[in-house]
Amino acid sequence: MTLLSQNAAMPGLVKESLPRIKSVDVLRGIIMVIMALDHTRDYFSNLHHDPLDFNYANVFYFFTRWITHFCAPVFVFLSGTSAYLSISRGKSKSKAAKMLFTRGLMLILFELTIIRFGWAFNFDYHAIFVQVIWALGWCMIFLSVMIFLPLPAIAGVGLVLIFGANAFDSVHSDFFTIPMIWDFFHQSDSVFLFNHTVRFFILYPVIPWAGVMMTGYCLGAIMLMPELERNKRLFAIGSGAILLFIILRGINIYGDPRPWAVQDTAIHTILDFIKCQKYPPSLLYLLMTLGPAITALPLLENINRKLGAFFTVYGRVPFFYYILHIYLIHSLQLIIGLSMGYPMHIFTDTGSMFDPKLVWGFSLGWVYFIWISVVLILYYPCRWYMNIKLKHKKWWLSYL
């Protein structure tokens, strides 16, 4: 708490020459690479049911989906950490707030336009899905206001949002005169707009994602500590979150709307134990993912130099990579599908690729091959753009 109270004085004490903390970029790069696995599976898998459903999927499909659960929480969390570190390098809070606010608006706009087209390859706005970039944009807007508060207050609000969200699981949008308000903040659901002509599906409601970004912002203060003290605190926080997950999940009373149960086999029981709700993210889902991620930060400071440099490329340009990987994966699906004689509409109709009756796709081995190929193809464009950002300080480069 002593360090948190130093928030107001911090920008004047830490100079712009402060080196980047390697583990943050490496962890973000690892997360971006894993994210591509989830989206490759979406477009190329021959399993068109929930891969976490034991009735349809095996253990390999389960873990292929489950491991990607780490992506969104860590992505949002480290975005908050990066915002704090940006201020620590000499940027004033007023400039940082303006940057967060305008970048948040830009992300929301991109989600509704460029990113949406990449997912669907059509301009049919009768069905609109908003996902992690939408939530990230709103979180940045909220954080742009919160950064003027002391760090203990920001941490407190963030933790309340994370730990208290599941208390409202029984509250549904149909309780409200304007259902979209509750969908925006808490419930993953769809609403109809413009006289029932547009279906607007909010997959990532803002709460508790805003809490994730706020706590990630506060973690930035710990990242500025001397390495030994920093690692000690990171291990304590990360392992504490993991332990709390095990205790709360074991009690089976609070933290996730779906209790776990003993299954037909021991492995299925274990998988059911770690199967937590992502939409919206439950407390246990966040403890399960952020705990190991925070614990990994000290370890990643000593990662193999070449391996660390590889993941850093993706971690330095996450939004650029995010857009490219969506367009590349969907384009590959379209090219391969058309060359095999499949009709165009399978790959360009919104939501058609998730139809359980769809006869399309490849085995999990091919999904992994395509995933690795996508990651390697994007390495050089991402490295090129990373070098541009390092060499040039144009204001617009910080937005992409």
Protein backbone atom coordinates (compact mmCIF):
# COMPACT_ATOMS: atom_id res chain seq x y z
CA MET A 1 0.00 0.00 0.00
CA THR A 2 3.00 2.28 0.55
CA LEU A 3 3.84 2.19 -3.13
CA LEU A 4 0.23 2.83 -4.11
CA SER A 5 0.22 6.03 -2.08
CA GLN A 6 3.11 7.33 -4.18
CA ASN A 7 0.89 7.59 -7.26
CA ALA A 8 0.67 11.37 -7.37
CA ALA A 9 4.42 11.86 -7.18
CA MET A 10 5.37 9.03 -9.49
CA PRO A 11 5.38 10.80 -12.91
CA GLY A 12 7.92 13.31 -11.69
CA LEU A 13 10.20 10.68 -10.19
CA VAL A 14 10.41 8.26 -13.09
CA LYS A 15 12.03 9.52 -16.25
CA GLU A 16 11.21 8.86 -19.86
CA SER A 17 14.44 6.84 -20.14
CA LEU A 18 12.90 4.10 -18.00
CA PRO A 19 13.52 0.85 -19.91
CA ARG A 20 10.64 -1.30 -21.07
CA ILE A 21 9.89 -4.26 -18.85
CA LYS A 22 10.56 -7.26 -21.06
CA SER A 23 8.15 -9.67 -19.40
CA VAL A 24 5.13 -7.49 -20.20
CA ASP A 25 5.85 -7.53 -23.94
CA VAL A 26 6.78 -11.23 -23.93
CA LEU A 27 3.64 -12.29 -22.06
CA ARG A 28 1.45 -10.16 -24.33
CA GLY A 29 3.16 -11.71 -27.36
CA ILE A 30 2.52 -15.23 -26.07
CA ILE A 31 -1.11 -14.34 -25.51
CA MET A 32 -1.48 -12.94 -29.03
CA VAL A 33 -0.01 -16.12 -30.52
CA ILE A 34 -2.38 -18.31 -28.49
CA MET A 35 -5.29 -16.08 -29.53
CA ALA A 36 -4.66 -17.01 -33.16
CA LEU A 37 -5.16 -20.68 -32.23
CA ASP A 38 -8.68 -19.99 -31.02
CA HIS A 39 -9.63 -18.11 -34.16
CA THR A 40 -7.99 -20.68 -36.44
CA ARG A 41 -10.09 -23.33 -34.72
CA ASP A 42 -13.19 -21.19 -35.27
CA TYR A 43 -12.63 -21.02 -39.02
CA PHE A 44 -11.05 -24.39 -39.80
CA SER A 45 -12.20 -26.99 -37.26
CA ASN A 46 -14.63 -29.71 -38.30
CA LEU A 47 -16.17 -29.55 -34.82
CA HIS A 48 -19.09 -27.11 -34.97
CA HIS A 49 -20.17 -27.55 -31.36
CA ASP A 50 -18.81 -26.12 -28.13
CA PRO A 51 -15.33 -27.68 -27.70
CA LEU A 52 -15.85 -27.53 -23.94
CA ASP A 53 -18.91 -29.79 -24.22
CA PHE A 54 -17.95 -33.37 -23.32
CA ASN A 55 -20.86 -34.67 -25.39
CA TYR A 56 -19.12 -33.58 -28.60
CA ALA A 57 -15.46 -32.84 -27.87
CA ASN A 58 -12.53 -34.84 -26.55
CA VAL A 59 -9.79 -33.76 -24.15
CA PHE A 60 -7.62 -32.32 -26.93
CA TYR A 61 -10.41 -30.10 -28.23
CA PHE A 62 -11.19 -29.05 -24.67
CA PHE A 63 -7.63 -27.88 -23.97
CA THR A 64 -7.35 -26.25 -27.40
CA ARG A 65 -10.26 -24.03 -26.42
CA TRP A 66 -9.48 -23.77 -22.70
CA ILE A 67 -5.90 -22.53 -23.10
CA THR A 68 -7.19 -19.61 -25.16
CA HIS A 69 -9.27 -18.48 -22.16
CA PHE A 70 -6.12 -16.75 -20.98
CA CYS A 71 -6.05 -14.39 -23.95
CA ALA A 72 -8.78 -11.81 -23.30
CA PRO A 73 -8.16 -11.33 -19.55
CA VAL A 74 -4.38 -11.00 -19.94
CA PHE A 75 -4.77 -8.75 -22.99
CA VAL A 76 -7.07 -6.34 -21.11
CA PHE A 77 -5.05 -6.61 -17.89
CA LEU A 78 -1.73 -5.78 -19.55
CA SER A 79 -3.35 -2.90 -21.44
CA GLY A 80 -3.96 -1.34 -18.04
CA THR A 81 -0.40 -2.08 -16.95
CA SER A 82 0.96 -0.49 -20.12
CA ALA A 83 -1.11 2.63 -19.47
CA TYR A 84 0.51 3.02 -16.04
CA LEU A 85 4.00 2.43 -17.42
CA SER A 86 3.34 5.03 -20.13
CA ILE A 87 2.60 7.61 -17.46
CA SER A 88 5.70 6.54 -15.53
CA ARG A 89 7.85 7.46 -18.53
CA GLY A 90 6.93 11.10 -18.20
CA LYS A 91 3.54 11.42 -19.89
CA SER A 92 1.22 13.64 -17.85
CA LYS A 93 -2.05 12.23 -16.58
CA SER A 94 -4.04 14.72 -18.63
CA LYS A 95 -2.26 13.61 -21.81
CA ALA A 96 -2.60 9.97 -20.82
CA ALA A 97 -6.32 10.46 -20.17
CA LYS A 98 -6.79 12.07 -23.56
CA MET A 99 -4.85 9.24 -25.19
CA LEU A 100 -6.91 6.57 -23.41
CA PHE A 101 -10.20 8.29 -24.24
CA THR A 102 -9.47 8.84 -27.94
CA ARG A 103 -7.90 5.41 -28.39
CA GLY A 104 -10.92 3.85 -26.70
CA LEU A 105 -13.23 5.57 -29.17
CA MET A 106 -11.03 4.46 -32.05
CA LEU A 107 -11.12 0.83 -30.90
CA ILE A 108 -14.92 0.90 -30.67
CA LEU A 109 -15.12 2.35 -34.18
CA PHE A 110 -12.69 -0.27 -35.51
CA GLU A 111 -14.71 -3.06 -33.86
CA LEU A 112 -17.84 -1.93 -35.68
CA THR A 113 -16.14 -1.47 -39.07
CA ILE A 114 -12.75 -2.90 -40.03
CA ILE A 115 -12.72 -5.73 -37.49
CA ARG A 116 -16.35 -6.67 -38.10
CA PHE A 117 -15.71 -6.93 -41.84
CA GLY A 118 -12.68 -9.12 -41.20
CA TRP A 119 -14.78 -11.56 -39.19
CA ALA A 120 -17.68 -11.69 -41.65
CA PHE A 121 -16.45 -10.51 -45.08
CA ASN A 122 -19.81 -8.85 -45.68
CA PHE A 123 -21.51 -5.50 -45.16
CA ASP A 124 -24.74 -6.96 -43.82
CA TYR A 125 -25.33 -5.04 -40.59
CA HIS A 126 -28.51 -6.89 -39.68
CA ALA A 127 -26.36 -8.87 -37.24
CA ILE A 128 -23.57 -7.19 -35.32
CA PHE A 129 -21.25 -8.95 -32.87
CA VAL A 130 -19.02 -6.86 -30.60
CA GLN A 131 -16.18 -8.62 -28.83
CA VAL A 132 -12.93 -7.98 -26.98
CA ILE A 133 -11.84 -4.84 -28.87
CA TRP A 134 -15.24 -3.28 -28.08
CA ALA A 135 -14.76 -4.03 -24.38
CA LEU A 136 -11.15 -2.85 -24.48
CA GLY A 137 -12.24 0.46 -25.97
CA TRP A 138 -14.86 1.11 -23.29
CA CYS A 139 -12.45 0.05 -20.56
CA MET A 140 -9.93 2.62 -21.80
CA ILE A 141 -12.61 5.31 -21.75
CA PHE A 142 -13.50 4.47 -18.14
CA LEU A 143 -9.83 4.28 -17.16
CA SER A 144 -9.24 7.72 -18.69
CA VAL A 145 -11.41 9.10 -15.89
CA MET A 146 -10.19 6.79 -13.13
CA ILE A 147 -6.48 7.58 -13.48
CA PHE A 148 -6.98 10.90 -11.69
CA LEU A 149 -7.88 9.01 -8.51
CA PRO A 150 -5.28 7.63 -6.06
CA LEU A 151 -4.10 4.13 -6.86
CA PRO A 152 -5.77 2.58 -3.78
CA ALA A 153 -9.12 3.94 -4.99
CA ILE A 154 -8.58 2.58 -8.51
CA ALA A 155 -7.55 -0.81 -7.12
CA GLY A 156 -10.55 -0.85 -4.80
CA VAL A 157 -13.05 -0.10 -7.57
CA GLY A 158 -11.42 -2.65 -9.86
CA LEU A 159 -11.52 -5.41 -7.24
CA VAL A 160 -15.15 -4.62 -6.38
CA LEU A 161 -16.10 -4.96 -10.04
CA ILE A 162 -14.25 -8.28 -10.32
CA PHE A 163 -15.35 -9.84 -7.04
CA GLY A 164 -18.87 -8.42 -6.98
CA ALA A 165 -20.06 -9.03 -10.53
CA ASN A 166 -21.35 -12.55 -9.85
CA ALA A 167 -23.65 -11.22 -7.13
CA PHE A 168 -25.84 -9.95 -9.98
CA ASP A 169 -26.00 -13.18 -12.01
CA SER A 170 -29.70 -13.56 -11.21
CA VAL A 171 -30.46 -10.10 -12.62
CA HIS A 172 -31.38 -10.25 -16.31
CA SER A 173 -31.83 -7.62 -18.97
CA ASP A 174 -35.57 -8.23 -19.27
CA PHE A 175 -35.91 -6.68 -15.81
CA PHE A 176 -35.04 -3.31 -17.35
CA THR A 177 -37.07 -0.89 -19.47
CA ILE A 178 -34.06 -0.58 -21.77
CA PRO A 179 -32.53 -4.10 -21.79
CA MET A 180 -29.41 -3.02 -23.66
CA ILE A 181 -28.20 -1.06 -20.62
CA TRP A 182 -27.78 -4.26 -18.59
CA ASP A 183 -26.38 -6.14 -21.60
CA PHE A 184 -23.80 -3.38 -22.00
CA PHE A 185 -22.62 -3.64 -18.40
CA HIS A 186 -23.10 -7.23 -17.31
CA GLN A 187 -24.99 -9.74 -19.46
CA SER A 188 -23.74 -11.36 -22.67
CA ASP A 189 -26.86 -11.28 -24.81
CA SER A 190 -28.36 -9.88 -27.97
CA VAL A 191 -30.83 -7.06 -28.37
CA PHE A 192 -32.81 -5.84 -31.35
CA LEU A 193 -32.38 -2.29 -32.57
CA PHE A 194 -34.06 -0.05 -35.13
CA ASN A 195 -37.51 -1.60 -35.07
CA HIS A 196 -36.17 -5.17 -34.83
CA THR A 197 -34.15 -4.87 -38.04
CA VAL A 198 -30.68 -5.15 -36.40
CA ARG A 199 -29.58 -7.78 -33.91
CA PHE A 200 -26.81 -6.38 -31.73
CA PHE A 201 -24.94 -9.06 -29.78
CA ILE A 202 -22.70 -7.89 -26.92
CA LEU A 203 -20.35 -10.79 -26.27
CA TYR A 204 -18.09 -8.78 -23.95
CA PRO A 205 -20.08 -6.65 -21.47
CA VAL A 206 -17.98 -3.98 -19.80
CA ILE A 207 -18.21 -5.28 -16.22
CA PRO A 208 -15.96 -6.79 -14.95
CA TRP A 209 -13.58 -6.13 -17.87
CA ALA A 210 -13.24 -2.55 -16.64
CA GLY A 211 -12.18 -3.97 -13.28
CA VAL A 212 -9.57 -6.13 -15.00
CA MET A 213 -8.03 -3.10 -16.70
CA MET A 214 -8.07 -1.05 -13.49
CA THR A 215 -6.27 -3.73 -11.50
CA GLY A 216 -3.82 -4.18 -14.37
CA TYR A 217 -3.17 -0.43 -14.22
CA CYS A 218 -2.40 -0.69 -10.50
CA LEU A 219 -0.05 -3.61 -11.10
CA GLY A 220 2.08 -1.16 -13.07
CA ALA A 221 3.23 0.34 -9.78
CA ILE A 222 4.58 -3.05 -8.72
CA MET A 223 6.31 -3.49 -12.07
CA LEU A 224 8.42 -0.40 -11.29
CA MET A 225 9.83 -1.89 -8.09
CA PRO A 226 13.37 -3.29 -7.89
CA GLU A 227 13.39 -6.74 -9.46
CA LEU A 228 13.67 -8.82 -6.28
CA GLU A 229 10.84 -6.99 -4.53
CA ARG A 230 8.76 -6.94 -7.69
CA ASN A 231 9.11 -10.67 -8.23
CA LYS A 232 8.26 -11.39 -4.61
CA ARG A 233 5.02 -9.44 -4.88
CA LEU A 234 4.10 -10.85 -8.28
CA PHE A 235 4.55 -14.41 -7.03
CA ALA A 236 2.49 -13.59 -3.94
CA ILE A 237 -0.37 -12.03 -5.91
CA GLY A 238 -0.36 -14.68 -8.64
CA SER A 239 -0.16 -17.67 -6.33
CA GLY A 240 -2.74 -16.10 -4.04
CA ALA A 241 -5.16 -15.78 -6.96
CA ILE A 242 -4.58 -19.41 -7.93
CA LEU A 243 -5.13 -20.59 -4.35
CA LEU A 244 -8.27 -18.49 -4.03
CA PHE A 245 -9.58 -20.00 -7.27
CA ILE A 246 -9.05 -23.54 -5.96
CA ILE A 247 -10.75 -22.74 -2.63
CA LEU A 248 -13.76 -20.92 -4.09
CA ARG A 249 -14.20 -23.43 -6.88
CA GLY A 250 -13.96 -26.26 -4.39
CA ILE A 251 -16.59 -24.68 -2.14
CA ASN A 252 -18.82 -24.39 -5.22
CA ILE A 253 -21.00 -21.59 -3.82
CA TYR A 254 -19.89 -18.29 -5.34
CA GLY A 255 -17.77 -17.07 -8.21
CA ASP A 256 -19.26 -18.83 -11.22
CA PRO A 257 -22.91 -19.32 -12.24
CA ARG A 258 -22.26 -22.95 -13.23
CA PRO A 259 -21.20 -25.22 -10.35
CA TRP A 260 -18.82 -28.05 -11.18
CA ALA A 261 -19.81 -31.67 -10.62
CA VAL A 262 -18.25 -35.11 -10.53
CA GLN A 263 -18.21 -36.58 -14.06
CA ASP A 264 -17.99 -40.08 -15.49
CA THR A 265 -14.16 -40.08 -15.42
CA ALA A 266 -11.51 -38.41 -13.27
CA ILE A 267 -10.14 -36.36 -16.19
CA HIS A 268 -13.62 -35.10 -17.06
CA THR A 269 -14.13 -34.12 -13.43
CA ILE A 270 -10.90 -32.11 -13.50
CA LEU A 271 -11.90 -30.46 -16.76
CA ASP A 272 -15.32 -29.60 -15.37
CA PHE A 273 -13.59 -28.04 -12.35
CA ILE A 274 -11.61 -25.64 -14.56
CA LYS A 275 -14.50 -25.00 -16.96
CA CYS A 276 -15.55 -21.49 -15.92
CA GLN A 277 -17.80 -18.93 -17.58
CA LYS A 278 -16.20 -16.50 -20.00
CA TYR A 279 -19.28 -14.63 -21.28
CA PRO A 280 -19.39 -12.57 -19.12
CA PRO A 281 -16.22 -13.51 -17.26
CA SER A 282 -16.88 -14.90 -13.81
CA LEU A 283 -14.70 -14.23 -10.77
CA LEU A 284 -13.34 -17.77 -10.95
CA TYR A 285 -12.57 -17.44 -14.66
CA LEU A 286 -10.50 -14.32 -13.94
CA LEU A 287 -8.70 -15.85 -10.95
CA MET A 288 -7.96 -18.98 -13.01
CA THR A 289 -6.41 -17.00 -15.88
CA LEU A 290 -4.85 -13.91 -14.29
CA GLY A 291 -3.30 -15.80 -11.39
CA PRO A 292 -0.98 -17.92 -13.57
CA ALA A 293 -0.31 -14.95 -15.87
CA ILE A 294 0.87 -12.73 -13.01
CA THR A 295 2.97 -15.60 -11.63
CA ALA A 296 4.58 -16.03 -15.05
CA LEU A 297 5.80 -12.42 -15.30
CA PRO A 298 8.94 -12.91 -13.13
CA LEU A 299 9.78 -16.12 -14.98
CA LEU A 300 9.52 -14.44 -18.38
CA GLU A 301 12.18 -11.87 -17.44
CA ASN A 302 14.70 -14.73 -17.78
CA ILE A 303 13.26 -16.38 -20.86
CA ASN A 304 15.65 -17.51 -23.59
CA ARG A 305 16.81 -14.39 -25.44
CA LYS A 306 15.82 -15.55 -28.95
CA LEU A 307 12.50 -16.98 -27.81
CA GLY A 308 11.75 -13.82 -25.87
CA ALA A 309 12.61 -11.67 -28.89
CA PHE A 310 10.26 -13.76 -31.04
CA PHE A 311 7.24 -13.22 -28.78
CA THR A 312 8.18 -9.58 -28.16
CA VAL A 313 7.57 -8.83 -31.84
CA TYR A 314 3.88 -9.72 -31.44
CA GLY A 315 3.67 -8.16 -27.99
CA ARG A 316 4.90 -4.77 -29.18
CA VAL A 317 2.25 -4.45 -31.92
CA PRO A 318 -0.79 -6.32 -30.52
CA PHE A 319 -3.54 -4.37 -32.26
CA PHE A 320 -1.76 -4.42 -35.64
CA TYR A 321 -1.32 -8.18 -35.24
CA TYR A 322 -4.93 -8.62 -34.12
CA ILE A 323 -6.33 -7.06 -37.29
CA LEU A 324 -3.91 -8.86 -39.60
CA HIS A 325 -4.51 -12.28 -38.09
CA ILE A 326 -8.30 -12.04 -38.50
CA TYR A 327 -8.03 -11.09 -42.17
CA LEU A 328 -5.35 -13.69 -42.87
CA ILE A 329 -7.20 -16.58 -41.21
CA HIS A 330 -10.52 -15.72 -42.83
CA SER A 331 -8.87 -15.22 -46.23
CA LEU A 332 -7.18 -18.61 -45.98
CA GLN A 333 -10.51 -20.19 -45.11
CA LEU A 334 -12.15 -18.55 -48.11
CA ILE A 335 -9.37 -19.54 -50.52
CA ILE A 336 -9.16 -23.15 -49.32
CA GLY A 337 -12.93 -23.54 -49.12
CA LEU A 338 -13.58 -22.20 -52.62
CA SER A 339 -10.77 -24.31 -54.06
CA MET A 340 -12.46 -27.40 -52.55
CA GLY A 341 -15.78 -26.51 -54.18
CA TYR A 342 -17.65 -25.12 -51.19
CA PRO A 343 -20.12 -22.28 -51.90
CA MET A 344 -19.12 -18.71 -51.08
CA HIS A 345 -21.97 -18.08 -48.62
CA ILE A 346 -20.52 -20.57 -46.10
CA PHE A 347 -17.58 -18.22 -45.56
CA THR A 348 -19.29 -14.84 -45.86
CA ASP A 349 -22.67 -15.23 -44.15
CA THR A 350 -22.58 -13.92 -40.60
CA GLY A 351 -22.62 -16.83 -38.17
CA SER A 352 -22.87 -19.55 -40.83
CA MET A 353 -19.57 -21.15 -39.89
CA PHE A 354 -20.96 -21.87 -36.41
CA ASP A 355 -23.91 -23.84 -37.76
CA PRO A 356 -23.74 -27.34 -36.16
CA LYS A 357 -25.07 -28.85 -39.42
CA LEU A 358 -22.25 -27.36 -41.49
CA VAL A 359 -20.14 -29.94 -43.30
CA TRP A 360 -16.81 -28.15 -43.43
CA GLY A 361 -13.50 -28.21 -41.66
CA PHE A 362 -10.43 -30.23 -40.80
CA SER A 363 -9.11 -32.34 -37.97
CA LEU A 364 -7.38 -30.77 -34.99
CA GLY A 365 -3.95 -31.64 -36.36
CA TRP A 366 -4.56 -29.54 -39.46
CA VAL A 367 -5.94 -26.72 -37.31
CA TYR A 368 -2.64 -26.61 -35.41
CA PHE A 369 -0.65 -26.68 -38.65
CA ILE A 370 -2.62 -23.75 -40.09
CA TRP A 371 -2.30 -21.87 -36.77
CA ILE A 372 1.49 -22.19 -36.72
CA SER A 373 1.63 -21.15 -40.37
CA VAL A 374 -0.45 -18.04 -39.68
CA VAL A 375 1.76 -17.02 -36.76
CA LEU A 376 4.95 -17.44 -38.80
CA ILE A 377 3.53 -15.60 -41.82
CA LEU A 378 2.68 -12.62 -39.62
CA TYR A 379 6.09 -12.48 -37.94
CA TYR A 380 7.81 -10.33 -40.58
CA PRO A 381 4.96 -7.82 -41.08
CA CYS A 382 4.78 -7.41 -37.30
CA ARG A 383 8.54 -7.01 -36.97
CA TRP A 384 8.51 -4.45 -39.78
CA TYR A 385 5.80 -2.44 -38.03
CA MET A 386 7.50 -2.81 -34.64
CA ASN A 387 10.68 -1.28 -36.08
CA ILE A 388 8.69 1.58 -37.57
CA LYS A 389 7.19 2.32 -34.15
CA LEU A 390 10.64 2.21 -32.56
CA LYS A 391 12.21 4.54 -35.11
CA HIS A 392 9.39 7.03 -35.58
CA LYS A 393 7.40 8.85 -32.92
CA LYS A 394 4.42 9.92 -35.02
CA TRP A 395 1.37 10.45 -32.81
CA TRP A 396 -0.84 8.19 -34.91
CA LEU A 397 1.50 5.20 -34.49
CA SER A 398 0.47 4.93 -30.83
CA TYR A 399 -3.10 4.24 -31.95
CA LEU A 400 -2.31 1.16 -34.05
